[in-house]
Amino acid sequence: MQTPISCLFMRGGTSRGPFFNAADLPADIALRDRVLLAVMGSPDRRQIDGLGGANPLTSKVGIVSRGKSPGVDLDFLFAQVVVAESVVDTTPNCGNMLAAVVPFALETGLAQAQGENTTLRVLTLNTDMQCDVTVATPGGRVSYAGEAKIDGVPGSAAPIKINFLDTAGSVCSSLLPTGRVLDEVSVEGVGALQVTCIDNGMPLVMLRAADLGRTGYESVADLNADIELKTRLEALRLHTGKLMGLGDVSKKTYPKMCLIAAPREGGSIATRCFIPHVCHDAIGVLAAVTVGTACVLEGSVAAGIATVPAGHVKPVSVEHPTGEFTVELEVDPAHPQNVMRAALLRTARLIMRGEVMVPAAIWEGNKA
């Protein structure tokens, strides 16, 4: 016997996974996580018995419900299902999957279209972060066709605009959790390094690729095969995780590690991000916001590397292995170190609707 669970399989930005109405999943968190592991086919490197794509970018889940707080239209819980371990992490955000939340809600009747464009306020439960998400809804239905293009996704689609309202200290205690824009750390097996520990939507440890003897332009395949580099990065991650007030991060998917270099494709900065043990084919939405923020902070590890435009509204182009990601940052004219707003553009698409089956031995479903 198996238990059917209604879901929509959706792409959000450069990620994808099943989306659920929270009411269709177990209320008990431990049981819910066991169900999600079964849905995705974890733990297994191929995720052969589930919907997962054997990669962190395709082992993600969205859980949506009507908003419970004043002024909030939708609540969104993001779940990162670890591929080869029995771990479901609902601590960090995912800005890519966030792009599919409003389309999911409109497709399933959790929300109604408002006209040619629909803007809904979404609360990300993972970090208590709010944002306004705008999607095209001509004729009262979600439109997926359009001319917007994002690197890492073939073709074009309708634009989805995300305006983040408060991202600083999403998981950590503040934007700069160590209290400094630049830290000098010394880690056994790694050496002495300068890093910027920062969280403007995603906890990141940023460091110059050259300081580890790399260019910062290596391919994803080469970096994933670079065991020596990954070993040093993990040692550094464990050390800086404690400095950032995150405790023992050995079983956590954050902080992410980000190698930076001077741009070479006309952007603002070049990046190679690890999430945290696999090099990202692109860069996460909130990681891009965080990298862009470091670029506009005087004295960060990006100083002397990043190319940032003048003015209070700064488009920062973050280069990554498959293209670039532009983030628009607005800084306080009176206090240029204070980033007041972050906005960006994503796309999403409904790929499949139906029911995913899980063994009844794991869950027999919600009883009427």
Protein backbone atom coordinates (compact mmCIF):
# COMPACT_ATOMS: atom_id res chain seq x y z
CA MET A 1 0.00 0.00 0.00
CA GLN A 2 1.10 3.53 -0.77
CA THR A 3 -0.15 6.96 0.28
CA PRO A 4 -0.83 9.57 -2.45
CA ILE A 5 0.04 13.21 -1.71
CA SER A 6 -1.02 16.04 -4.03
CA CYS A 7 1.84 18.18 -5.29
CA LEU A 8 3.04 20.37 -8.13
CA PHE A 9 6.53 19.74 -9.48
CA MET A 10 7.97 23.16 -10.24
CA ARG A 11 11.12 24.93 -11.30
CA GLY A 12 11.96 28.02 -9.31
CA GLY A 13 14.91 29.95 -10.72
CA THR A 14 17.77 27.50 -11.16
CA SER A 15 16.32 24.97 -8.71
CA ARG A 16 13.38 22.59 -8.84
CA GLY A 17 11.34 20.25 -6.69
CA PRO A 18 7.85 19.31 -5.49
CA PHE A 19 5.61 21.93 -3.87
CA PHE A 20 3.00 20.98 -1.30
CA ASN A 21 0.11 22.62 0.45
CA ALA A 22 1.13 22.39 4.11
CA ALA A 23 -2.30 20.95 4.95
CA ASP A 24 -1.50 17.88 2.81
CA LEU A 25 1.57 16.94 4.86
CA PRO A 26 1.88 15.61 8.41
CA ALA A 27 1.74 18.26 11.12
CA ASP A 28 4.35 16.40 13.16
CA ILE A 29 7.76 17.68 12.02
CA ALA A 30 9.68 14.43 12.47
CA LEU A 31 7.05 12.49 10.53
CA ARG A 32 6.89 15.20 7.86
CA ASP A 33 10.64 14.96 7.37
CA ARG A 34 10.46 11.18 6.98
CA VAL A 35 7.78 11.70 4.34
CA LEU A 36 9.94 14.25 2.49
CA LEU A 37 12.92 11.89 2.54
CA ALA A 38 10.73 9.23 0.95
CA VAL A 39 9.36 11.69 -1.59
CA MET A 40 12.84 12.69 -2.73
CA GLY A 41 14.47 9.25 -2.46
CA SER A 42 17.01 10.11 0.23
CA PRO A 43 19.37 8.89 1.51
CA ASP A 44 20.77 7.67 -1.80
CA ARG A 45 23.32 9.33 -4.06
CA ARG A 46 21.14 8.69 -7.10
CA GLN A 47 17.83 9.30 -5.30
CA ILE A 48 16.64 6.54 -7.59
CA ASP A 49 13.49 5.80 -5.58
CA GLY A 50 12.14 9.35 -5.46
CA LEU A 51 11.75 12.69 -7.20
CA GLY A 52 15.19 14.05 -6.31
CA GLY A 53 17.69 14.78 -9.05
CA ALA A 54 20.85 13.58 -7.22
CA ASN A 55 22.07 17.18 -6.79
CA PRO A 56 21.47 19.75 -4.04
CA LEU A 57 19.82 22.07 -6.58
CA THR A 58 17.24 19.42 -7.47
CA SER A 59 16.69 18.03 -4.00
CA LYS A 60 14.52 20.83 -2.68
CA VAL A 61 10.93 21.04 -1.44
CA GLY A 62 8.49 23.94 -1.07
CA ILE A 63 5.68 23.92 1.51
CA VAL A 64 3.08 26.68 1.21
CA SER A 65 0.06 27.81 3.19
CA ARG A 66 -2.08 30.92 3.56
CA GLY A 67 -0.41 33.62 5.62
CA LYS A 68 -1.12 33.68 9.32
CA SER A 69 0.42 37.08 10.16
CA PRO A 70 -1.20 40.46 9.46
CA GLY A 71 -0.35 41.72 5.98
CA VAL A 72 1.14 38.39 4.88
CA ASP A 73 -0.55 36.56 2.01
CA LEU A 74 1.45 33.33 2.02
CA ASP A 75 3.69 31.41 4.38
CA PHE A 76 6.56 29.49 2.74
CA LEU A 77 8.71 26.82 4.31
CA PHE A 78 11.72 25.73 2.26
CA ALA A 79 13.22 22.28 2.86
CA GLN A 80 16.66 21.24 1.63
CA VAL A 81 16.68 17.45 1.47
CA VAL A 82 20.23 16.18 1.66
CA VAL A 83 20.90 13.72 -1.13
CA ALA A 84 22.94 10.99 0.56
CA GLU A 85 21.91 11.51 4.19
CA SER A 86 18.69 11.30 6.16
CA VAL A 87 18.67 15.07 6.72
CA VAL A 88 15.94 17.62 5.98
CA ASP A 89 17.21 21.15 6.66
CA THR A 90 14.61 23.90 7.08
CA THR A 91 17.01 26.45 8.55
CA PRO A 92 18.20 28.43 5.49
CA ASN A 93 16.20 30.21 2.81
CA CYS A 94 16.17 29.48 -0.92
CA GLY A 95 15.49 32.46 -3.14
CA ASN A 96 15.22 30.31 -6.24
CA MET A 97 12.43 28.11 -4.90
CA LEU A 98 10.83 31.27 -3.53
CA ALA A 99 10.17 32.32 -7.14
CA ALA A 100 7.68 29.46 -7.55
CA VAL A 101 5.67 30.14 -4.37
CA VAL A 102 3.16 32.62 -5.80
CA PRO A 103 2.62 30.61 -9.01
CA PHE A 104 1.97 27.53 -6.84
CA ALA A 105 -0.52 29.42 -4.69
CA LEU A 106 -2.37 30.74 -7.73
CA GLU A 107 -2.41 27.32 -9.42
CA THR A 108 -3.84 25.62 -6.32
CA GLY A 109 -6.32 28.27 -5.15
CA LEU A 110 -4.40 29.35 -2.05
CA ALA A 111 -4.48 32.86 -3.53
CA GLN A 112 -6.37 34.71 -6.27
CA ALA A 113 -5.03 36.75 -9.17
CA GLN A 114 -5.31 40.53 -8.81
CA GLY A 115 -5.26 41.63 -12.44
CA GLU A 116 -2.63 41.69 -15.18
CA ASN A 117 0.03 41.36 -12.47
CA THR A 118 -0.31 39.90 -9.00
CA THR A 119 1.87 40.95 -6.07
CA LEU A 120 1.69 38.90 -2.88
CA ARG A 121 3.63 39.24 0.34
CA VAL A 122 5.40 36.04 1.27
CA LEU A 123 6.79 35.18 4.69
CA THR A 124 9.64 32.70 4.57
CA LEU A 125 9.17 30.75 7.78
CA ASN A 126 12.74 29.47 7.78
CA THR A 127 14.16 32.86 8.79
CA ASP A 128 11.08 35.03 9.35
CA MET A 129 11.91 37.03 6.19
CA GLN A 130 9.26 38.87 4.18
CA CYS A 131 9.30 39.78 0.52
CA ASP A 132 6.91 40.99 -2.17
CA VAL A 133 6.70 38.70 -5.19
CA THR A 134 5.13 39.89 -8.45
CA VAL A 135 4.05 37.51 -11.22
CA ALA A 136 2.27 38.06 -14.54
CA THR A 137 -1.39 36.98 -14.44
CA PRO A 138 -3.05 38.13 -17.67
CA GLY A 139 -6.68 37.05 -17.77
CA GLY A 140 -6.44 35.97 -14.15
CA ARG A 141 -4.07 33.05 -14.80
CA VAL A 142 -0.36 32.59 -14.24
CA SER A 143 1.66 33.26 -17.38
CA TYR A 144 4.88 31.31 -17.75
CA ALA A 145 5.74 32.54 -21.25
CA GLY A 146 7.84 35.67 -21.62
CA GLU A 147 11.13 37.21 -22.64
CA ALA A 148 12.97 37.18 -19.30
CA LYS A 149 16.16 35.12 -19.29
CA ILE A 150 18.24 33.96 -16.36
CA ASP A 151 21.59 32.27 -16.71
CA GLY A 152 21.49 28.60 -15.79
CA VAL A 153 18.02 28.07 -17.31
CA PRO A 154 17.53 27.54 -21.06
CA GLY A 155 15.12 29.71 -23.04
CA SER A 156 13.04 32.54 -21.68
CA ALA A 157 9.97 32.92 -19.46
CA ALA A 158 7.73 35.47 -17.78
CA PRO A 159 9.60 37.61 -15.24
CA ILE A 160 9.04 37.16 -11.52
CA LYS A 161 10.13 40.15 -9.48
CA ILE A 162 11.22 39.64 -5.88
CA ASN A 163 11.67 42.59 -3.54
CA PHE A 164 13.22 41.52 -0.26
CA LEU A 165 12.07 43.58 2.70
CA ASP A 166 14.53 42.46 5.39
CA THR A 167 17.36 40.03 4.76
CA ALA A 168 20.15 41.09 7.14
CA GLY A 169 20.96 38.41 9.69
CA SER A 170 18.64 35.81 8.16
CA VAL A 171 20.19 32.95 10.15
CA CYS A 172 22.99 34.66 12.02
CA SER A 173 22.53 37.35 14.66
CA SER A 174 23.29 40.21 12.26
CA LEU A 175 24.58 41.16 8.82
CA LEU A 176 28.17 40.82 10.06
CA PRO A 177 27.91 38.12 12.73
CA THR A 178 31.54 38.41 13.87
CA GLY A 179 31.12 42.16 14.30
CA ARG A 180 33.73 42.84 11.63
CA VAL A 181 33.62 43.31 7.88
CA LEU A 182 36.97 41.50 7.55
CA ASP A 183 38.37 38.70 9.69
CA GLU A 184 41.85 37.23 9.68
CA VAL A 185 41.68 33.55 10.64
CA SER A 186 44.26 30.83 10.98
CA VAL A 187 43.09 27.25 10.62
CA GLU A 188 45.24 24.14 10.89
CA GLY A 189 45.70 22.61 7.46
CA VAL A 190 44.44 25.74 5.77
CA GLY A 191 46.74 28.53 6.88
CA ALA A 192 46.13 32.20 7.58
CA LEU A 193 43.41 33.79 5.47
CA GLN A 194 41.31 36.92 5.22
CA VAL A 195 37.57 36.25 5.06
CA THR A 196 34.30 38.13 5.23
CA CYS A 197 31.62 36.37 7.24
CA ILE A 198 28.30 37.84 6.17
CA ASP A 199 24.57 37.04 6.14
CA ASN A 200 22.25 39.17 4.03
CA GLY A 201 19.81 36.38 3.26
CA MET A 202 22.32 33.51 3.27
CA PRO A 203 25.21 32.89 5.69
CA LEU A 204 28.38 33.03 3.59
CA VAL A 205 32.11 32.88 4.15
CA MET A 206 33.78 34.77 1.33
CA LEU A 207 37.48 34.52 0.53
CA ARG A 208 39.78 35.29 -2.35
CA ALA A 209 40.37 32.27 -4.57
CA ALA A 210 43.98 33.35 -5.05
CA ASP A 211 44.61 32.96 -1.30
CA LEU A 212 43.98 29.23 -1.74
CA GLY A 213 46.10 28.99 -4.87
CA ARG A 214 43.12 28.94 -7.24
CA THR A 215 42.04 31.39 -9.95
CA GLY A 216 38.33 31.54 -9.15
CA TYR A 217 37.56 30.75 -12.80
CA GLU A 218 37.87 26.96 -12.61
CA SER A 219 35.06 24.80 -13.96
CA VAL A 220 32.51 23.24 -11.62
CA ALA A 221 33.79 19.76 -12.54
CA ASP A 222 37.38 20.69 -11.74
CA LEU A 223 36.44 22.20 -8.39
CA ASN A 224 34.28 19.25 -7.42
CA ALA A 225 37.22 16.94 -8.21
CA ASP A 226 39.63 19.11 -6.18
CA ILE A 227 39.65 17.09 -2.96
CA GLU A 228 42.50 19.09 -1.43
CA LEU A 229 40.61 22.35 -1.89
CA LYS A 230 37.33 20.93 -0.58
CA THR A 231 39.07 19.53 2.49
CA ARG A 232 40.56 22.94 3.28
CA LEU A 233 37.25 24.69 2.68
CA GLU A 234 35.45 22.34 5.05
CA ALA A 235 38.03 22.92 7.78
CA LEU A 236 37.60 26.65 7.29
CA ARG A 237 33.79 26.29 7.28
CA LEU A 238 33.79 24.45 10.60
CA HIS A 239 36.03 27.12 12.13
CA THR A 240 34.13 30.15 10.82
CA GLY A 241 30.76 28.60 11.63
CA LYS A 242 31.65 28.96 15.30
CA LEU A 243 32.90 32.51 14.77
CA MET A 244 29.52 33.35 13.19
CA GLY A 245 27.64 32.05 16.22
CA LEU A 246 26.32 29.01 14.34
CA GLY A 247 27.97 26.42 16.56
CA ASP A 248 28.93 23.05 15.12
CA VAL A 249 27.98 23.26 11.43
CA SER A 250 29.30 19.82 10.45
CA LYS A 251 25.73 18.58 9.89
CA LYS A 252 24.35 21.89 8.61
CA THR A 253 24.06 23.11 5.02
CA TYR A 254 25.38 26.56 5.97
CA PRO A 255 27.44 28.66 5.96
CA LYS A 256 28.10 28.36 2.24
CA MET A 257 31.68 28.93 1.08
CA CYS A 258 32.34 31.40 -1.72
CA LEU A 259 35.58 31.89 -3.64
CA ILE A 260 35.81 35.30 -5.27
CA ALA A 261 37.97 36.80 -8.00
CA ALA A 262 38.03 39.88 -10.19
CA PRO A 263 35.30 39.88 -12.85
CA ARG A 264 36.32 38.92 -16.34
CA GLU A 265 32.99 38.97 -18.24
CA GLY A 266 32.02 42.57 -17.64
CA GLY A 267 30.37 41.95 -14.28
CA SER A 268 31.12 43.18 -10.77
CA ILE A 269 32.75 40.08 -9.26
CA ALA A 270 33.43 36.45 -10.16
CA THR A 271 32.30 33.68 -7.82
CA ARG A 272 32.55 29.96 -7.23
CA CYS A 273 30.16 28.95 -4.42
CA PHE A 274 30.08 25.66 -2.51
CA ILE A 275 26.69 24.61 -1.09
CA PRO A 276 28.47 23.69 1.11
CA HIS A 277 30.41 20.66 -0.19
CA VAL A 278 29.46 20.75 -3.88
CA CYS A 279 30.34 23.61 -6.22
CA HIS A 280 27.17 25.37 -7.41
CA ASP A 281 26.58 25.37 -11.17
CA ALA A 282 25.42 28.98 -10.79
CA ILE A 283 24.79 30.88 -7.53
CA GLY A 284 21.83 30.91 -5.19
CA VAL A 285 19.53 33.94 -5.16
CA LEU A 286 20.22 34.92 -1.57
CA ALA A 287 23.88 34.02 -1.91
CA ALA A 288 24.03 36.52 -4.79
CA VAL A 289 22.34 39.14 -2.61
CA THR A 290 24.88 38.47 0.14
CA VAL A 291 27.86 38.57 -2.24
CA GLY A 292 26.57 41.80 -3.74
CA THR A 293 26.23 43.28 -0.26
CA ALA A 294 29.85 42.44 0.56
CA CYS A 295 30.87 44.19 -2.65
CA VAL A 296 29.36 47.48 -1.46
CA LEU A 297 30.75 47.24 2.09
CA GLU A 298 33.99 49.17 2.46
CA GLY A 299 36.86 47.03 3.69
CA SER A 300 35.38 43.62 2.91
CA VAL A 301 37.37 40.81 1.31
CA ALA A 302 35.94 42.00 -2.02
CA ALA A 303 37.75 45.35 -1.75
CA GLY A 304 40.15 45.82 -4.64
CA ILE A 305 38.48 42.97 -6.55
CA ALA A 306 34.88 44.01 -7.11
CA THR A 307 33.79 46.66 -9.59
CA VAL A 308 30.78 48.49 -8.16
CA PRO A 309 28.88 51.36 -9.82
CA ALA A 310 28.47 54.72 -8.13
CA GLY A 311 25.17 55.97 -6.75
CA HIS A 312 22.79 54.86 -4.04
CA VAL A 313 21.03 52.27 -6.22
CA LYS A 314 23.68 49.82 -7.35
CA PRO A 315 23.17 46.99 -9.84
CA VAL A 316 25.79 44.40 -8.89
CA SER A 317 26.47 41.72 -11.50
CA VAL A 318 27.68 38.51 -9.86
CA GLU A 319 29.47 36.26 -12.33
CA HIS A 320 29.14 32.50 -11.78
CA PRO A 321 30.08 29.32 -13.71
CA THR A 322 27.10 29.47 -16.08
CA GLY A 323 26.65 33.22 -16.51
CA GLU A 324 25.79 36.12 -14.24
CA PHE A 325 23.18 37.19 -11.71
CA THR A 326 22.34 40.87 -11.27
CA VAL A 327 21.16 42.09 -7.87
CA GLU A 328 19.88 45.63 -7.34
CA LEU A 329 20.97 47.02 -4.00
CA GLU A 330 19.90 50.33 -2.49
CA VAL A 331 22.15 51.83 0.16
CA ASP A 332 21.31 54.50 2.70
CA PRO A 333 22.66 57.84 1.39
CA ALA A 334 23.53 58.92 4.93
CA HIS A 335 25.11 55.59 5.85
CA PRO A 336 26.50 53.88 2.71
CA GLN A 337 27.37 50.76 4.69
CA ASN A 338 23.66 50.17 5.32
CA VAL A 339 21.91 48.20 2.55
CA MET A 340 18.22 49.11 2.73
CA ARG A 341 16.76 47.06 -0.12
CA ALA A 342 17.58 44.15 -2.39
CA ALA A 343 15.60 43.29 -5.51
CA LEU A 344 16.05 40.80 -8.32
CA LEU A 345 14.37 38.97 -11.17
CA ARG A 346 13.74 35.24 -11.47
CA THR A 347 11.52 32.94 -13.54
CA ALA A 348 9.55 29.79 -12.69
CA ARG A 349 7.54 27.11 -14.43
CA LEU A 350 4.99 24.48 -13.52
CA ILE A 351 6.43 21.21 -14.83
CA MET A 352 3.95 18.61 -13.58
CA ARG A 353 0.90 18.29 -11.35
CA GLY A 354 -0.35 15.14 -9.68
CA GLU A 355 0.30 12.91 -6.69
CA VAL A 356 3.56 11.61 -5.32
CA MET A 357 3.42 8.20 -3.66
CA VAL A 358 5.08 7.30 -0.37
CA PRO A 359 5.01 3.91 1.34
CA ALA A 360 2.07 3.60 3.72
CA ALA A 361 4.51 2.12 6.24
CA ILE A 362 5.98 5.63 6.53
CA TRP A 363 2.67 7.52 6.55
CA GLU A 364 -0.92 6.50 6.00
CA GLY A 365 -2.05 10.04 5.23
CA ASN A 366 -4.13 12.63 7.06
CA LYS A 367 -7.26 11.01 8.43
CA ALA A 368 -10.57 12.83 8.04
